Amino acid sequence: MPSESPPGPWAVVAPNATVVAAWTNTSVPEKALFYLFAQLDEELHSAFPGLWLALMVVHSVIFLVGLVLNGLALYVFCCRTQAKTPSVIYTINLVVTDLLVGLSLPTRFVVFYSAQGCLRCAFPHVLGYFLNMHCSILFLTCICVDRYLAIVQPDGSHRWRQPACARAVCACVWLAAGAVTLSVLGVTTGGRPCCRVFVLTVLEFLLPLLVISVFTGRIMCALSRPGLLRQGRQRRMRAMQLLLTVLVIFFVCFTPFHARQVTVALWPSMPHHTSLVIYHVAVTLSSLNSCMDPIVYCFVTSGFQATVRGLFHRHRAQCEASGNMVGVHKSSKGPGPHHILSTGPQALAQALANGPDP
């Protein structure tokens, strides 16, 4: 690790003054962005403890909600969905990435409270966050492209919409996202804006956003064609709703972080505390995608919502059946048969089959 330079006048105002000095050609040892990202929690806690606590509460809620929703979605797509179509394969990988960012949050708490300054300890959280963001962007793009091909160009894209092809694309996405993540975290702060940040922003954010925007427009044009069958129009409407939902996720969750990165590169004299607060708010919004992605799952397959409702109805029926069994068991020890009759026909049949208690 490079040695720290003596504290200057920025040290009181900005704990990571090396960021500002690096962009302003000051003689400061170069550091990888991973090292700077790993220190930002401690810096926010020192400068804005109230905001840090509020954001930790929000992250905890995101962790719990995302864990429940994505765990349920993973169970439905893996165990309750028979046809493993390309869209389902892409969605399963998206669910896994959302679970990864949720599971990295406990590591963040552990690192902050028990291992401050330990870069190896902070690595799982930082890597998990950036890997989730890049994988989510790419898998959401894959889902949108697959839906567009299936709805608008079903004949010409049949060869490419095969499960084997989808698995190969998923493997490439994981490799590409890992390479992009390591590239971002390995960028060193120097005396000029880093061109690699702009290139990565264009490739892994602006290009997918452009692709999704173009396909959304083309599906809207397809919907305006006369003579569509009702079934065809419903499928295209569901595809358009999926694409619009993905666009909202892009603008709400991913745009703030990338806009902040580009702004810091273009405006190196931005006050450090302002940049610090914007960074943490952008990270929180980016983590919110693990709670918003389940909305996308509802449009991937027509049976997802029905399967989830069936699971809840089955659970409710099991709870009612167990309650009836308890009522039958108690009433069988009571003074008269009217308690058994009041528990319903299923419980009465069970009681008659079991017979009286010995």
Protein backbone atom coordinates (compact mmCIF):
# COMPACT_ATOMS: atom_id res chain seq x y z
CA MET A 1 0.00 0.00 0.00
CA PRO A 2 1.41 3.45 -0.87
CA SER A 3 2.44 5.58 2.05
CA GLU A 4 0.14 8.42 3.03
CA SER A 5 1.27 11.98 2.38
CA PRO A 6 1.38 14.40 5.30
CA PRO A 7 -2.02 15.87 6.12
CA GLY A 8 -2.68 19.22 4.51
CA PRO A 9 -5.46 21.76 4.79
CA TRP A 10 -7.89 19.35 3.04
CA ALA A 11 -7.40 16.69 5.70
CA VAL A 12 -9.82 18.30 8.14
CA VAL A 13 -12.54 18.93 5.59
CA ALA A 14 -12.13 15.82 3.42
CA PRO A 15 -10.78 12.56 4.84
CA ASN A 16 -10.04 11.26 1.34
CA ALA A 17 -8.33 14.39 0.10
CA THR A 18 -6.24 12.22 -2.21
CA VAL A 19 -9.25 12.12 -4.57
CA VAL A 20 -9.30 15.89 -4.95
CA ALA A 21 -5.55 16.17 -5.13
CA ALA A 22 -5.36 13.40 -7.70
CA TRP A 23 -7.71 15.22 -10.07
CA THR A 24 -5.90 18.55 -9.60
CA ASN A 25 -2.38 17.42 -10.52
CA THR A 26 -1.12 17.62 -6.94
CA SER A 27 1.79 15.35 -6.09
CA VAL A 28 -0.07 12.53 -4.34
CA PRO A 29 0.58 8.79 -4.60
CA GLU A 30 -1.77 7.08 -7.02
CA LYS A 31 -4.37 4.80 -5.49
CA ALA A 32 -6.81 2.35 -7.00
CA LEU A 33 -10.49 3.30 -6.88
CA PHE A 34 -11.13 0.17 -4.81
CA TYR A 35 -9.00 1.61 -2.02
CA LEU A 36 -10.96 4.88 -2.12
CA PHE A 37 -14.37 3.18 -2.30
CA ALA A 38 -13.47 1.01 0.69
CA GLN A 39 -12.88 4.13 2.82
CA LEU A 40 -16.08 5.99 1.95
CA ASP A 41 -18.23 4.40 4.69
CA GLU A 42 -15.84 5.58 7.38
CA GLU A 43 -15.66 9.04 5.81
CA LEU A 44 -19.45 9.43 5.70
CA HIS A 45 -19.76 8.26 9.30
CA SER A 46 -17.17 10.82 10.39
CA ALA A 47 -18.68 13.74 8.46
CA PHE A 48 -22.44 12.96 8.54
CA PRO A 49 -23.25 10.36 11.22
CA GLY A 50 -27.00 11.00 10.99
CA LEU A 51 -27.09 10.49 7.24
CA TRP A 52 -24.90 7.41 7.58
CA LEU A 53 -27.36 5.89 10.08
CA ALA A 54 -30.36 6.71 7.88
CA LEU A 55 -28.74 5.13 4.84
CA MET A 56 -27.83 2.03 6.85
CA VAL A 57 -31.49 1.68 7.86
CA VAL A 58 -32.54 2.00 4.21
CA HIS A 59 -29.95 -0.59 3.19
CA SER A 60 -31.24 -2.96 5.88
CA VAL A 61 -34.80 -2.64 4.54
CA ILE A 62 -33.53 -3.20 0.99
CA PHE A 63 -31.64 -6.26 2.19
CA LEU A 64 -34.67 -7.83 3.88
CA VAL A 65 -37.18 -7.03 1.14
CA GLY A 66 -34.80 -8.06 -1.63
CA LEU A 67 -33.91 -11.30 0.14
CA VAL A 68 -37.57 -12.30 0.50
CA LEU A 69 -38.70 -11.28 -2.99
CA ASN A 70 -35.71 -12.66 -4.85
CA GLY A 71 -35.65 -15.85 -2.77
CA LEU A 72 -39.30 -16.43 -3.68
CA ALA A 73 -38.59 -15.64 -7.34
CA LEU A 74 -35.64 -18.04 -7.41
CA TYR A 75 -37.83 -20.80 -5.99
CA VAL A 76 -40.59 -20.14 -8.53
CA PHE A 77 -38.32 -20.02 -11.58
CA CYS A 78 -36.15 -22.97 -10.54
CA CYS A 79 -38.69 -25.32 -8.96
CA ARG A 80 -42.12 -24.28 -10.26
CA THR A 81 -41.38 -23.28 -13.85
CA GLN A 82 -41.16 -26.26 -16.17
CA ALA A 83 -40.14 -24.55 -19.42
CA LYS A 84 -36.64 -23.09 -19.08
CA THR A 85 -36.95 -20.56 -21.90
CA PRO A 86 -34.17 -18.05 -22.62
CA SER A 87 -36.07 -15.35 -20.72
CA VAL A 88 -36.36 -17.62 -17.68
CA ILE A 89 -32.63 -18.44 -17.84
CA TYR A 90 -31.71 -14.75 -17.99
CA THR A 91 -34.11 -13.99 -15.15
CA ILE A 92 -32.64 -16.71 -12.90
CA ASN A 93 -29.20 -15.18 -13.35
CA LEU A 94 -30.62 -11.73 -12.60
CA VAL A 95 -32.16 -13.08 -9.37
CA VAL A 96 -28.79 -14.52 -8.35
CA THR A 97 -27.09 -11.15 -8.85
CA ASP A 98 -29.73 -9.43 -6.72
CA LEU A 99 -29.22 -11.99 -3.97
CA LEU A 100 -25.47 -11.40 -4.11
CA VAL A 101 -25.79 -7.68 -3.45
CA GLY A 102 -28.14 -8.43 -0.57
CA LEU A 103 -25.76 -10.93 0.99
CA SER A 104 -22.87 -8.47 0.67
CA LEU A 105 -24.59 -6.02 3.04
CA PRO A 106 -23.82 -7.98 6.26
CA THR A 107 -20.18 -7.95 5.17
CA ARG A 108 -20.38 -4.16 4.99
CA PHE A 109 -21.56 -3.93 8.60
CA VAL A 110 -18.93 -6.38 9.82
CA VAL A 111 -16.14 -4.51 8.04
CA PHE A 112 -17.22 -1.15 9.40
CA TYR A 113 -17.67 -2.20 13.02
CA SER A 114 -14.88 -4.74 13.46
CA ALA A 115 -12.32 -4.40 10.66
CA GLN A 116 -11.99 -0.77 9.68
CA GLY A 117 -9.08 -0.18 7.34
CA CYS A 118 -8.85 -3.83 6.31
CA LEU A 119 -8.91 -3.82 2.51
CA ARG A 120 -9.17 -7.60 2.23
CA CYS A 121 -12.22 -7.56 4.49
CA ALA A 122 -13.90 -4.81 2.43
CA PHE A 123 -13.26 -6.57 -0.87
CA PRO A 124 -16.36 -8.89 -0.82
CA HIS A 125 -18.77 -5.99 -0.28
CA VAL A 126 -17.20 -3.64 -2.84
CA LEU A 127 -16.82 -6.41 -5.43
CA GLY A 128 -20.34 -7.70 -4.77
CA TYR A 129 -21.88 -4.26 -5.19
CA PHE A 130 -20.17 -3.41 -8.48
CA LEU A 131 -20.56 -6.92 -9.86
CA ASN A 132 -24.28 -6.80 -9.11
CA MET A 133 -24.67 -3.43 -10.79
CA HIS A 134 -22.89 -4.48 -13.97
CA CYS A 135 -24.56 -7.91 -14.12
CA SER A 136 -28.00 -6.39 -13.51
CA ILE A 137 -27.52 -3.93 -16.36
CA LEU A 138 -26.43 -6.65 -18.77
CA PHE A 139 -29.03 -9.24 -17.77
CA LEU A 140 -31.85 -6.68 -17.93
CA THR A 141 -30.64 -5.84 -21.43
CA CYS A 142 -30.61 -9.55 -22.36
CA ILE A 143 -34.18 -9.97 -21.10
CA CYS A 144 -35.38 -6.96 -23.10
CA VAL A 145 -33.63 -8.09 -26.28
CA ASP A 146 -35.05 -11.60 -25.90
CA ARG A 147 -38.58 -10.26 -25.39
CA TYR A 148 -38.25 -8.01 -28.41
CA LEU A 149 -37.07 -10.88 -30.61
CA ALA A 150 -39.78 -13.22 -29.34
CA ILE A 151 -42.61 -10.73 -29.88
CA VAL A 152 -41.62 -8.66 -32.89
CA GLN A 153 -39.36 -11.04 -34.84
CA PRO A 154 -40.34 -14.57 -33.76
CA ASP A 155 -39.45 -16.32 -37.04
CA GLY A 156 -36.04 -14.85 -37.76
CA SER A 157 -34.77 -15.20 -34.18
CA HIS A 158 -35.81 -18.78 -33.44
CA ARG A 159 -32.31 -20.14 -33.96
CA TRP A 160 -30.81 -17.66 -31.49
CA ARG A 161 -33.52 -18.08 -28.86
CA GLN A 162 -32.42 -21.51 -27.64
CA PRO A 163 -31.65 -22.46 -24.01
CA ALA A 164 -28.10 -23.47 -24.92
CA CYS A 165 -27.49 -20.10 -26.55
CA ALA A 166 -28.97 -18.32 -23.51
CA ARG A 167 -26.65 -20.22 -21.15
CA ALA A 168 -23.65 -19.28 -23.28
CA VAL A 169 -24.73 -15.63 -23.22
CA CYS A 170 -25.09 -15.77 -19.42
CA ALA A 171 -21.57 -17.16 -19.07
CA CYS A 172 -20.25 -14.34 -21.27
CA VAL A 173 -22.18 -11.79 -19.20
CA TRP A 174 -20.65 -13.03 -15.95
CA LEU A 175 -17.17 -12.94 -17.47
CA ALA A 176 -17.69 -9.51 -19.01
CA ALA A 177 -19.17 -8.08 -15.80
CA GLY A 178 -16.30 -9.48 -13.75
CA ALA A 179 -13.76 -7.99 -16.16
CA VAL A 180 -15.52 -4.60 -16.12
CA THR A 181 -15.75 -4.64 -12.31
CA LEU A 182 -12.08 -5.44 -11.85
CA SER A 183 -11.21 -2.80 -14.45
CA VAL A 184 -13.22 -0.14 -12.61
CA LEU A 185 -11.79 -1.04 -9.21
CA GLY A 186 -8.29 -1.14 -10.64
CA VAL A 187 -8.43 2.36 -12.11
CA THR A 188 -5.82 4.54 -10.42
CA THR A 189 -6.32 8.21 -9.67
CA GLY A 190 -3.87 10.30 -11.63
CA GLY A 191 -3.33 13.89 -12.58
CA ARG A 192 -5.98 13.92 -15.31
CA PRO A 193 -9.49 12.52 -15.77
CA CYS A 194 -9.30 8.82 -16.46
CA CYS A 195 -10.46 7.94 -19.97
CA ARG A 196 -11.22 4.38 -18.87
CA VAL A 197 -14.08 5.64 -16.69
CA PHE A 198 -15.72 7.29 -19.72
CA VAL A 199 -15.21 4.22 -21.91
CA LEU A 200 -16.69 1.87 -19.30
CA THR A 201 -19.62 4.23 -18.70
CA VAL A 202 -20.43 4.24 -22.40
CA LEU A 203 -20.06 0.49 -22.88
CA GLU A 204 -21.78 -0.85 -19.77
CA PHE A 205 -24.43 1.84 -19.21
CA LEU A 206 -25.15 4.15 -22.16
CA LEU A 207 -25.03 1.43 -24.82
CA PRO A 208 -27.50 -0.91 -23.01
CA LEU A 209 -29.73 2.08 -22.27
CA LEU A 210 -29.72 2.98 -25.97
CA VAL A 211 -30.54 -0.60 -26.97
CA ILE A 212 -33.48 -0.81 -24.56
CA SER A 213 -34.80 2.60 -25.61
CA VAL A 214 -34.69 1.67 -29.32
CA PHE A 215 -36.44 -1.67 -28.75
CA THR A 216 -39.11 0.00 -26.62
CA GLY A 217 -39.82 2.41 -29.45
CA ARG A 218 -39.98 -0.40 -32.00
CA ILE A 219 -42.44 -2.40 -29.88
CA MET A 220 -44.61 0.71 -29.50
CA CYS A 221 -44.58 1.07 -33.29
CA ALA A 222 -45.51 -2.61 -33.64
CA LEU A 223 -48.46 -2.11 -31.30
CA SER A 224 -49.82 0.60 -33.56
CA ARG A 225 -50.14 -1.78 -36.52
CA PRO A 226 -53.76 -2.59 -37.43
CA GLY A 227 -55.03 -6.14 -37.59
CA LEU A 228 -53.23 -7.52 -34.54
CA LEU A 229 -54.94 -10.47 -32.92
CA ARG A 230 -55.97 -9.96 -29.32
CA GLN A 231 -53.45 -12.55 -28.08
CA GLY A 232 -50.68 -10.95 -30.09
CA ARG A 233 -51.55 -7.49 -28.79
CA GLN A 234 -51.60 -8.72 -25.18
CA ARG A 235 -48.16 -10.32 -25.57
CA ARG A 236 -46.74 -7.15 -27.09
CA MET A 237 -48.33 -5.01 -24.40
CA ARG A 238 -46.69 -7.18 -21.74
CA ALA A 239 -43.34 -6.88 -23.53
CA MET A 240 -43.69 -3.11 -23.71
CA GLN A 241 -44.54 -2.95 -20.01
CA LEU A 242 -41.41 -4.97 -19.29
CA LEU A 243 -39.23 -2.62 -21.34
CA LEU A 244 -40.74 0.48 -19.73
CA THR A 245 -40.14 -1.02 -16.28
CA VAL A 246 -36.51 -1.68 -17.18
CA LEU A 247 -36.15 1.92 -18.38
CA VAL A 248 -37.48 3.17 -15.04
CA ILE A 249 -35.00 0.93 -13.19
CA PHE A 250 -32.18 2.29 -15.34
CA PHE A 251 -33.06 5.91 -14.67
CA VAL A 252 -33.81 5.51 -10.96
CA CYS A 253 -31.12 3.02 -9.93
CA PHE A 254 -28.19 3.25 -12.31
CA THR A 255 -28.19 6.76 -13.78
CA PRO A 256 -27.29 8.62 -10.53
CA PHE A 257 -24.13 6.59 -9.93
CA HIS A 258 -22.80 6.89 -13.48
CA ALA A 259 -23.71 10.58 -13.62
CA ARG A 260 -21.78 11.14 -10.39
CA GLN A 261 -18.73 9.33 -11.74
CA VAL A 262 -18.67 11.41 -14.92
CA THR A 263 -19.34 14.64 -12.99
CA VAL A 264 -16.40 14.03 -10.65
CA ALA A 265 -14.15 13.43 -13.64
CA LEU A 266 -15.32 16.58 -15.43
CA TRP A 267 -15.53 18.79 -12.34
CA PRO A 268 -12.56 17.89 -10.15
CA SER A 269 -13.04 20.94 -7.92
CA MET A 270 -16.42 19.71 -6.66
CA PRO A 271 -16.58 20.03 -2.84
CA HIS A 272 -15.60 16.74 -1.32
CA HIS A 273 -18.51 16.53 1.11
CA THR A 274 -20.95 17.11 -1.74
CA SER A 275 -19.32 14.35 -3.79
CA LEU A 276 -19.33 12.05 -0.76
CA VAL A 277 -23.05 12.50 -0.07
CA ILE A 278 -23.96 12.10 -3.75
CA TYR A 279 -21.91 8.92 -3.92
CA HIS A 280 -23.66 7.26 -0.99
CA VAL A 281 -27.12 8.31 -2.14
CA ALA A 282 -26.32 6.96 -5.63
CA VAL A 283 -25.08 3.67 -4.15
CA THR A 284 -28.29 3.34 -2.14
CA LEU A 285 -30.42 3.95 -5.23
CA SER A 286 -28.36 1.43 -7.16
CA SER A 287 -28.94 -1.19 -4.45
CA LEU A 288 -32.67 -0.49 -4.75
CA ASN A 289 -32.70 -2.40 -8.03
CA SER A 290 -32.74 -5.67 -6.05
CA CYS A 291 -36.24 -4.67 -4.84
CA MET A 292 -37.42 -3.29 -8.20
CA ASP A 293 -36.30 -6.20 -10.37
CA PRO A 294 -39.12 -8.45 -9.06
CA ILE A 295 -41.50 -6.15 -10.97
CA VAL A 296 -39.74 -7.29 -14.14
CA TYR A 297 -40.29 -10.94 -13.22
CA CYS A 298 -44.05 -10.43 -13.48
CA PHE A 299 -43.72 -9.67 -17.20
CA VAL A 300 -41.14 -12.34 -18.12
CA THR A 301 -43.62 -15.23 -18.08
CA SER A 302 -47.39 -15.12 -18.06
CA GLY A 303 -47.58 -17.72 -15.29
CA PHE A 304 -45.28 -16.10 -12.74
CA GLN A 305 -48.00 -14.14 -10.96
CA ALA A 306 -50.37 -17.11 -11.05
CA THR A 307 -47.69 -19.38 -9.58
CA VAL A 308 -46.98 -16.96 -6.73
CA ARG A 309 -50.69 -16.58 -5.99
CA GLY A 310 -51.07 -20.37 -6.04
CA LEU A 311 -48.25 -20.74 -3.50
CA PHE A 312 -49.88 -18.26 -1.14
CA HIS A 313 -53.31 -19.83 -1.56
CA ARG A 314 -51.86 -23.27 -0.88
CA HIS A 315 -50.11 -21.97 2.22
CA ARG A 316 -53.35 -20.39 3.42
CA ALA A 317 -55.26 -23.61 2.78
CA GLN A 318 -52.67 -25.59 4.75
CA CYS A 319 -52.94 -23.15 7.64
CA GLU A 320 -56.73 -23.42 7.62
CA ALA A 321 -56.52 -27.23 7.47
CA SER A 322 -54.13 -27.34 10.41
CA GLY A 323 -56.43 -25.03 12.34
CA ASN A 324 -59.38 -27.29 11.61
CA MET A 325 -57.40 -30.31 12.77
CA VAL A 326 -56.65 -28.60 16.06
CA GLY A 327 -60.33 -27.72 16.43
CA VAL A 328 -61.34 -31.31 15.77
CA HIS A 329 -58.85 -32.62 18.31
CA LYS A 330 -60.15 -30.28 21.01
CA SER A 331 -63.80 -30.83 20.20
CA SER A 332 -63.37 -34.60 20.29
CA LYS A 333 -62.58 -34.24 23.98
CA GLY A 334 -65.53 -31.90 24.61
CA PRO A 335 -68.96 -32.69 25.97
CA GLY A 336 -70.90 -32.89 22.75
CA PRO A 337 -70.74 -33.45 18.98
CA HIS A 338 -71.83 -29.91 18.00
CA HIS A 339 -68.21 -28.72 18.25
CA ILE A 340 -67.19 -31.15 15.56
CA LEU A 341 -69.99 -30.06 13.23
CA SER A 342 -68.92 -26.43 13.54
CA THR A 343 -65.43 -27.07 12.20
CA GLY A 344 -66.43 -27.71 8.58
CA PRO A 345 -66.92 -30.76 6.31
CA GLN A 346 -63.17 -31.49 5.84
CA ALA A 347 -62.53 -31.57 9.56
CA LEU A 348 -65.68 -33.67 10.12
CA ALA A 349 -64.52 -36.26 7.58
CA GLN A 350 -61.08 -36.36 9.20
CA ALA A 351 -62.64 -36.81 12.63
CA LEU A 352 -64.86 -39.66 11.43
CA ALA A 353 -61.88 -41.35 9.81
CA ASN A 354 -59.76 -41.09 12.95
CA GLY A 355 -62.49 -42.28 15.27
CA PRO A 356 -62.80 -41.46 18.96
CA ASP A 357 -59.72 -40.97 21.09
CA PRO A 358 -58.78 -44.02 23.22
